[in-house]
Amino acid sequence: MERVDVVYALIFDEIEAKMLMVKNIKHDDWTMPGGMVEAGEVLSEAVVREVKEETGLTIEPEGLLAVNEAFMEKYNHHAIFFTFEAMVVGGDIAIQDTETIADTAWVSIDEADKRMPYHEAGIRSLLERAVPYAFQGVEK
């Protein structure tokens, strides 16, 4: 199996109490914005790039919320998923990667939990346990 790293951004608007999700064309499902880390790319750079491609927004990654692992036999991948908390620092919603993303939506945490049942403890639990993320000893 090939090892792949995947990053996601949990972008939560505290005022509206909603988080941003994207609809993936390939699997016809909703996820947080994110995708595969490219060779030589730092995790925090990858999440910024992926969010920009999928939503048009510029983000600042904050704490690391979760690390998950799965064997995806269908793709022959051993995947490590890194979920970052992120804050929007610029841009407007405008999907750049129209080949893989069909839509974006701001949804409540309850709605996000319904759309992403693989987070057993729910999205709220992710927001409650952020930990610092460091690259080469420097906290991001």
N, C-alpha and C. Protein backbone atom coordinates (compact mmCIF):
# COMPACT_ATOMS: atom_id res chain seq x y z
N MET A 1 0.84 -1.19 0.00
CA MET A 1 0.00 0.00 0.00
C MET A 1 0.88 1.25 0.00
N GLU A 2 0.40 2.24 -0.71
CA GLU A 2 1.11 3.52 -0.75
C GLU A 2 0.66 4.41 0.40
N ARG A 3 1.61 4.99 1.11
CA ARG A 3 1.30 5.93 2.20
C ARG A 3 0.98 7.29 1.60
N VAL A 4 -0.14 7.86 1.99
CA VAL A 4 -0.52 9.21 1.55
C VAL A 4 -0.92 10.03 2.77
N ASP A 5 -0.58 11.30 2.73
CA ASP A 5 -1.00 12.23 3.77
C ASP A 5 -2.08 13.14 3.20
N VAL A 6 -3.11 13.35 3.99
CA VAL A 6 -4.24 14.17 3.57
C VAL A 6 -4.51 15.21 4.67
N VAL A 7 -4.75 16.46 4.25
CA VAL A 7 -5.04 17.53 5.20
C VAL A 7 -6.46 18.04 5.00
N TYR A 8 -7.07 18.45 6.12
CA TYR A 8 -8.38 19.07 6.08
C TYR A 8 -8.37 20.31 6.96
N ALA A 9 -9.25 21.26 6.64
CA ALA A 9 -9.39 22.48 7.44
C ALA A 9 -10.81 22.55 7.99
N LEU A 10 -10.90 22.65 9.30
CA LEU A 10 -12.18 22.89 9.94
C LEU A 10 -12.26 24.41 10.11
N ILE A 11 -13.06 25.03 9.27
CA ILE A 11 -13.22 26.49 9.28
C ILE A 11 -14.58 26.78 9.91
N PHE A 12 -14.54 27.36 11.12
CA PHE A 12 -15.75 27.57 11.88
C PHE A 12 -15.97 29.06 12.11
N ASP A 13 -17.14 29.54 11.72
CA ASP A 13 -17.53 30.93 11.94
C ASP A 13 -18.28 30.98 13.27
N GLU A 14 -17.61 31.49 14.30
CA GLU A 14 -18.20 31.51 15.64
C GLU A 14 -19.43 32.41 15.73
N ILE A 15 -19.46 33.49 14.97
CA ILE A 15 -20.60 34.40 15.00
C ILE A 15 -21.85 33.72 14.45
N GLU A 16 -21.70 33.07 13.31
CA GLU A 16 -22.83 32.38 12.67
C GLU A 16 -23.04 30.97 13.21
N ALA A 17 -22.05 30.46 13.95
CA ALA A 17 -22.07 29.09 14.47
C ALA A 17 -22.22 28.07 13.32
N LYS A 18 -21.42 28.29 12.27
CA LYS A 18 -21.46 27.39 11.11
C LYS A 18 -20.03 27.09 10.66
N MET A 19 -19.89 25.93 10.02
CA MET A 19 -18.59 25.55 9.47
C MET A 19 -18.70 25.37 7.96
N LEU A 20 -17.58 25.52 7.29
CA LEU A 20 -17.56 25.43 5.83
C LEU A 20 -17.32 24.00 5.38
N MET A 21 -18.13 23.56 4.42
CA MET A 21 -17.97 22.24 3.83
C MET A 21 -17.94 22.36 2.31
N VAL A 22 -17.35 21.35 1.67
CA VAL A 22 -17.32 21.29 0.21
C VAL A 22 -17.96 19.98 -0.25
N LYS A 23 -18.60 20.03 -1.41
CA LYS A 23 -19.19 18.82 -2.00
C LYS A 23 -18.24 18.28 -3.06
N ASN A 24 -17.77 17.06 -2.83
CA ASN A 24 -16.84 16.41 -3.74
C ASN A 24 -17.58 15.71 -4.86
N ILE A 25 -17.14 15.95 -6.08
CA ILE A 25 -17.79 15.36 -7.25
C ILE A 25 -17.55 13.85 -7.32
N LYS A 26 -16.30 13.42 -7.14
CA LYS A 26 -15.92 12.01 -7.32
C LYS A 26 -16.74 11.07 -6.44
N HIS A 27 -16.92 11.43 -5.18
CA HIS A 27 -17.63 10.55 -4.25
C HIS A 27 -19.04 11.02 -3.93
N ASP A 28 -19.43 12.16 -4.49
CA ASP A 28 -20.75 12.73 -4.25
C ASP A 28 -21.04 12.81 -2.75
N ASP A 29 -20.05 13.39 -2.02
CA ASP A 29 -20.23 13.54 -0.58
C ASP A 29 -19.70 14.91 -0.13
N TRP A 30 -19.98 15.23 1.11
CA TRP A 30 -19.55 16.49 1.71
C TRP A 30 -18.44 16.23 2.70
N THR A 31 -17.41 17.09 2.67
CA THR A 31 -16.29 17.01 3.61
C THR A 31 -15.85 18.42 3.97
N MET A 32 -14.89 18.49 4.85
CA MET A 32 -14.21 19.76 5.08
C MET A 32 -13.29 19.98 3.88
N PRO A 33 -12.95 21.23 3.56
CA PRO A 33 -12.01 21.47 2.47
C PRO A 33 -10.67 20.81 2.79
N GLY A 34 -10.05 20.22 1.78
CA GLY A 34 -8.74 19.59 1.99
C GLY A 34 -8.39 18.65 0.87
N GLY A 35 -7.25 17.99 1.03
CA GLY A 35 -6.80 17.05 0.01
C GLY A 35 -5.40 16.54 0.30
N MET A 36 -4.83 15.88 -0.69
CA MET A 36 -3.54 15.23 -0.53
C MET A 36 -2.38 16.23 -0.46
N VAL A 37 -1.43 15.89 0.38
CA VAL A 37 -0.20 16.66 0.52
C VAL A 37 0.72 16.26 -0.62
N GLU A 38 1.30 17.26 -1.29
CA GLU A 38 2.22 17.00 -2.39
C GLU A 38 3.63 16.73 -1.86
N ALA A 39 4.43 16.04 -2.65
CA ALA A 39 5.81 15.71 -2.25
C ALA A 39 6.57 16.99 -1.88
N GLY A 40 7.24 16.96 -0.74
CA GLY A 40 8.04 18.10 -0.30
C GLY A 40 7.23 19.23 0.31
N GLU A 41 5.94 19.06 0.44
CA GLU A 41 5.07 20.12 0.97
C GLU A 41 4.86 19.91 2.47
N VAL A 42 4.93 20.99 3.22
CA VAL A 42 4.66 20.98 4.65
C VAL A 42 3.15 20.89 4.85
N LEU A 43 2.70 20.20 5.89
CA LEU A 43 1.27 20.03 6.13
C LEU A 43 0.52 21.35 6.14
N SER A 44 1.04 22.35 6.84
CA SER A 44 0.35 23.64 6.93
C SER A 44 0.27 24.34 5.57
N GLU A 45 1.29 24.17 4.73
CA GLU A 45 1.24 24.73 3.38
C GLU A 45 0.20 24.02 2.54
N ALA A 46 0.12 22.71 2.71
CA ALA A 46 -0.83 21.91 1.93
C ALA A 46 -2.27 22.29 2.25
N VAL A 47 -2.58 22.50 3.53
CA VAL A 47 -3.95 22.84 3.88
C VAL A 47 -4.32 24.22 3.35
N VAL A 48 -3.39 25.16 3.37
CA VAL A 48 -3.65 26.50 2.80
C VAL A 48 -3.92 26.38 1.31
N ARG A 49 -3.08 25.61 0.60
CA ARG A 49 -3.24 25.44 -0.85
C ARG A 49 -4.56 24.76 -1.19
N GLU A 50 -4.86 23.68 -0.49
CA GLU A 50 -6.08 22.93 -0.78
C GLU A 50 -7.33 23.78 -0.55
N VAL A 51 -7.37 24.52 0.56
CA VAL A 51 -8.54 25.37 0.83
C VAL A 51 -8.67 26.43 -0.25
N LYS A 52 -7.57 27.01 -0.68
CA LYS A 52 -7.61 28.04 -1.73
C LYS A 52 -8.18 27.43 -3.03
N GLU A 53 -7.69 26.24 -3.40
CA GLU A 53 -8.16 25.59 -4.62
C GLU A 53 -9.65 25.24 -4.56
N GLU A 54 -10.08 24.78 -3.40
CA GLU A 54 -11.45 24.28 -3.29
C GLU A 54 -12.48 25.35 -2.96
N THR A 55 -12.05 26.46 -2.33
CA THR A 55 -13.02 27.46 -1.90
C THR A 55 -12.72 28.89 -2.35
N GLY A 56 -11.48 29.16 -2.75
CA GLY A 56 -11.08 30.53 -3.09
C GLY A 56 -10.66 31.33 -1.87
N LEU A 57 -10.79 30.77 -0.68
CA LEU A 57 -10.45 31.49 0.55
C LEU A 57 -8.99 31.30 0.94
N THR A 58 -8.43 32.32 1.56
CA THR A 58 -7.10 32.23 2.15
C THR A 58 -7.29 32.01 3.64
N ILE A 59 -6.60 31.01 4.16
CA ILE A 59 -6.74 30.67 5.58
C ILE A 59 -5.41 30.75 6.30
N GLU A 60 -5.51 30.80 7.61
CA GLU A 60 -4.36 30.66 8.50
C GLU A 60 -4.62 29.42 9.35
N PRO A 61 -3.80 28.35 9.17
CA PRO A 61 -3.99 27.16 10.00
C PRO A 61 -3.63 27.46 11.45
N GLU A 62 -4.42 26.91 12.34
CA GLU A 62 -4.17 27.10 13.76
C GLU A 62 -3.84 25.75 14.37
N GLY A 63 -4.44 25.36 15.45
CA GLY A 63 -4.12 24.09 16.09
C GLY A 63 -4.50 22.88 15.27
N LEU A 64 -3.82 21.80 15.55
CA LEU A 64 -4.13 20.52 14.94
C LEU A 64 -5.24 19.89 15.76
N LEU A 65 -6.35 19.55 15.12
CA LEU A 65 -7.52 19.04 15.83
C LEU A 65 -7.56 17.52 15.91
N ALA A 66 -7.07 16.86 14.88
CA ALA A 66 -7.16 15.40 14.87
C ALA A 66 -6.16 14.81 13.88
N VAL A 67 -5.72 13.60 14.21
CA VAL A 67 -4.93 12.79 13.30
C VAL A 67 -5.66 11.45 13.23
N ASN A 68 -6.03 11.05 12.03
CA ASN A 68 -6.74 9.79 11.83
C ASN A 68 -5.98 8.97 10.79
N GLU A 69 -6.19 7.68 10.84
CA GLU A 69 -5.48 6.77 9.95
C GLU A 69 -6.45 5.75 9.39
N ALA A 70 -6.28 5.39 8.12
CA ALA A 70 -7.16 4.39 7.52
C ALA A 70 -6.46 3.68 6.37
N PHE A 71 -6.80 2.42 6.21
CA PHE A 71 -6.39 1.68 5.03
C PHE A 71 -7.52 1.80 4.03
N MET A 72 -7.21 2.40 2.89
CA MET A 72 -8.22 2.60 1.85
C MET A 72 -7.91 1.61 0.73
N GLU A 73 -8.37 0.38 0.93
CA GLU A 73 -8.03 -0.70 0.02
C GLU A 73 -8.45 -0.43 -1.42
N LYS A 74 -9.55 0.27 -1.59
CA LYS A 74 -10.06 0.61 -2.92
C LYS A 74 -8.99 1.36 -3.74
N TYR A 75 -8.19 2.19 -3.06
CA TYR A 75 -7.16 2.99 -3.73
C TYR A 75 -5.75 2.47 -3.45
N ASN A 76 -5.64 1.39 -2.67
CA ASN A 76 -4.36 0.85 -2.25
C ASN A 76 -3.54 1.88 -1.48
N HIS A 77 -4.24 2.65 -0.61
CA HIS A 77 -3.60 3.70 0.18
C HIS A 77 -3.65 3.40 1.67
N HIS A 78 -2.57 3.74 2.31
CA HIS A 78 -2.52 3.82 3.77
C HIS A 78 -2.52 5.32 4.04
N ALA A 79 -3.65 5.86 4.45
CA ALA A 79 -3.83 7.31 4.55
C ALA A 79 -3.75 7.79 5.99
N ILE A 80 -3.03 8.91 6.16
CA ILE A 80 -2.99 9.61 7.44
C ILE A 80 -3.68 10.95 7.19
N PHE A 81 -4.73 11.23 7.97
CA PHE A 81 -5.53 12.45 7.81
C PHE A 81 -5.20 13.41 8.95
N PHE A 82 -4.84 14.64 8.60
CA PHE A 82 -4.53 15.69 9.56
C PHE A 82 -5.59 16.78 9.44
N THR A 83 -6.33 17.03 10.51
CA THR A 83 -7.37 18.05 10.49
C THR A 83 -6.92 19.25 11.31
N PHE A 84 -6.83 20.40 10.65
CA PHE A 84 -6.43 21.65 11.27
C PHE A 84 -7.64 22.52 11.55
N GLU A 85 -7.60 23.25 12.63
CA GLU A 85 -8.53 24.36 12.81
C GLU A 85 -7.96 25.50 11.98
N ALA A 86 -8.81 26.27 11.31
CA ALA A 86 -8.30 27.33 10.45
C ALA A 86 -9.21 28.55 10.50
N MET A 87 -8.60 29.70 10.29
CA MET A 87 -9.33 30.97 10.28
C MET A 87 -9.20 31.58 8.88
N VAL A 88 -10.31 32.09 8.37
CA VAL A 88 -10.30 32.78 7.08
C VAL A 88 -9.64 34.14 7.28
N VAL A 89 -8.63 34.43 6.43
CA VAL A 89 -7.94 35.72 6.51
C VAL A 89 -8.09 36.54 5.23
N GLY A 90 -8.77 35.97 4.23
CA GLY A 90 -8.99 36.73 3.01
C GLY A 90 -9.72 35.92 1.95
N GLY A 91 -10.12 36.64 0.91
CA GLY A 91 -10.76 36.00 -0.23
C GLY A 91 -12.27 35.90 -0.10
N ASP A 92 -12.87 35.45 -1.17
CA ASP A 92 -14.31 35.21 -1.26
C ASP A 92 -14.52 33.80 -1.77
N ILE A 93 -15.65 33.22 -1.44
CA ILE A 93 -15.96 31.87 -1.92
C ILE A 93 -16.01 31.88 -3.44
N ALA A 94 -15.12 31.12 -4.04
CA ALA A 94 -15.05 30.96 -5.49
C ALA A 94 -14.26 29.69 -5.76
N ILE A 95 -14.94 28.61 -6.09
CA ILE A 95 -14.28 27.32 -6.31
C ILE A 95 -13.29 27.44 -7.46
N GLN A 96 -12.04 27.10 -7.19
CA GLN A 96 -10.99 27.12 -8.22
C GLN A 96 -10.91 25.76 -8.92
N ASP A 97 -11.05 24.69 -8.16
CA ASP A 97 -10.93 23.33 -8.67
C ASP A 97 -12.32 22.78 -9.01
N THR A 98 -12.85 23.21 -10.14
CA THR A 98 -14.20 22.82 -10.53
C THR A 98 -14.30 21.38 -11.03
N GLU A 99 -13.16 20.71 -11.21
CA GLU A 99 -13.19 19.30 -11.63
C GLU A 99 -13.47 18.37 -10.46
N THR A 100 -13.16 18.81 -9.24
CA THR A 100 -13.37 17.93 -8.09
C THR A 100 -14.38 18.46 -7.07
N ILE A 101 -14.64 19.76 -7.07
CA ILE A 101 -15.56 20.35 -6.10
C ILE A 101 -16.79 20.91 -6.82
N ALA A 102 -17.98 20.47 -6.38
CA ALA A 102 -19.23 20.90 -7.01
C ALA A 102 -19.86 22.10 -6.31
N ASP A 103 -19.64 22.22 -4.98
CA ASP A 103 -20.35 23.25 -4.24
C ASP A 103 -19.67 23.47 -2.89
N THR A 104 -20.02 24.57 -2.25
CA THR A 104 -19.59 24.86 -0.88
C THR A 104 -20.84 25.24 -0.09
N ALA A 105 -20.77 25.05 1.23
CA ALA A 105 -21.90 25.43 2.07
C ALA A 105 -21.43 25.67 3.50
N TRP A 106 -22.00 26.69 4.13
CA TRP A 106 -21.81 26.92 5.56
C TRP A 106 -22.94 26.19 6.26
N VAL A 107 -22.62 25.25 7.15
CA VAL A 107 -23.64 24.45 7.80
C VAL A 107 -23.43 24.44 9.31
N SER A 108 -24.50 24.14 10.03
CA SER A 108 -24.40 24.01 11.49
C SER A 108 -23.56 22.79 11.84
N ILE A 109 -23.08 22.74 13.06
CA ILE A 109 -22.31 21.57 13.50
C ILE A 109 -23.18 20.32 13.44
N ASP A 110 -24.43 20.42 13.83
CA ASP A 110 -25.32 19.26 13.76
C ASP A 110 -25.46 18.75 12.33
N GLU A 111 -25.60 19.67 11.37
CA GLU A 111 -25.70 19.27 9.97
C GLU A 111 -24.39 18.66 9.49
N ALA A 112 -23.26 19.22 9.90
CA ALA A 112 -21.95 18.68 9.52
C ALA A 112 -21.79 17.25 10.05
N ASP A 113 -22.25 17.02 11.27
CA ASP A 113 -22.17 15.67 11.84
C ASP A 113 -22.97 14.67 11.01
N LYS A 114 -24.10 15.09 10.49
CA LYS A 114 -24.91 14.21 9.64
C LYS A 114 -24.21 13.93 8.31
N ARG A 115 -23.54 14.95 7.78
CA ARG A 115 -22.88 14.81 6.47
C ARG A 115 -21.54 14.07 6.58
N MET A 116 -20.94 14.07 7.76
CA MET A 116 -19.64 13.42 7.97
C MET A 116 -19.71 12.47 9.16
N PRO A 117 -20.39 11.35 9.03
CA PRO A 117 -20.59 10.45 10.16
C PRO A 117 -19.32 9.74 10.63
N TYR A 118 -18.23 9.85 9.88
CA TYR A 118 -16.99 9.15 10.26
C TYR A 118 -16.27 9.82 11.43
N HIS A 119 -16.71 11.00 11.87
CA HIS A 119 -16.19 11.61 13.10
C HIS A 119 -17.15 11.19 14.22
N GLU A 120 -16.90 10.02 14.81
CA GLU A 120 -17.82 9.42 15.77
C GLU A 120 -18.21 10.33 16.91
N ALA A 121 -17.25 11.07 17.46
CA ALA A 121 -17.53 11.93 18.61
C ALA A 121 -18.11 13.28 18.18
N GLY A 122 -18.17 13.51 16.87
CA GLY A 122 -18.76 14.74 16.34
C GLY A 122 -17.77 15.88 16.18
N ILE A 123 -18.17 16.83 15.37
CA ILE A 123 -17.33 18.00 15.07
C ILE A 123 -17.07 18.83 16.32
N ARG A 124 -18.06 18.98 17.15
CA ARG A 124 -17.90 19.79 18.38
C ARG A 124 -16.72 19.28 19.21
N SER A 125 -16.56 17.96 19.27
CA SER A 125 -15.45 17.39 20.05
C SER A 125 -14.10 17.76 19.44
N LEU A 126 -14.05 17.91 18.13
CA LEU A 126 -12.79 18.33 17.49
C LEU A 126 -12.43 19.74 17.93
N LEU A 127 -13.41 20.63 17.94
CA LEU A 127 -13.15 22.03 18.30
C LEU A 127 -12.72 22.18 19.76
N GLU A 128 -13.05 21.22 20.59
CA GLU A 128 -12.73 21.31 22.02
C GLU A 128 -11.34 20.81 22.37
N ARG A 129 -10.64 20.20 21.41
CA ARG A 129 -9.36 19.61 21.78
C ARG A 129 -8.19 20.01 20.88
N ALA A 130 -8.18 21.21 20.39
CA ALA A 130 -7.08 21.65 19.54
C ALA A 130 -5.75 21.59 20.28
N VAL A 131 -4.72 21.15 19.57
CA VAL A 131 -3.37 21.13 20.11
C VAL A 131 -2.47 21.93 19.18
N PRO A 132 -1.40 22.49 19.69
CA PRO A 132 -0.51 23.27 18.81
C PRO A 132 0.09 22.39 17.72
N TYR A 133 0.38 22.98 16.59
CA TYR A 133 1.07 22.30 15.49
C TYR A 133 2.42 22.99 15.31
N ALA A 134 3.48 22.21 15.25
CA ALA A 134 4.82 22.77 15.08
C ALA A 134 5.49 22.12 13.88
N PHE A 135 6.25 22.92 13.13
CA PHE A 135 7.08 22.41 12.03
C PHE A 135 8.50 22.79 12.38
N GLN A 136 9.36 21.79 12.48
CA GLN A 136 10.77 21.97 12.83
C GLN A 136 10.94 22.81 14.09
N GLY A 137 10.11 22.51 15.07
CA GLY A 137 10.24 23.16 16.38
C GLY A 137 9.58 24.52 16.50
N VAL A 138 9.00 25.02 15.43
CA VAL A 138 8.36 26.35 15.46
C VAL A 138 6.86 26.15 15.41
N GLU A 139 6.18 26.64 16.44
CA GLU A 139 4.73 26.50 16.50
C GLU A 139 4.09 27.38 15.43
N LYS A 140 3.14 26.81 14.72
CA LYS A 140 2.43 27.53 13.66
C LYS A 140 1.10 28.01 14.16
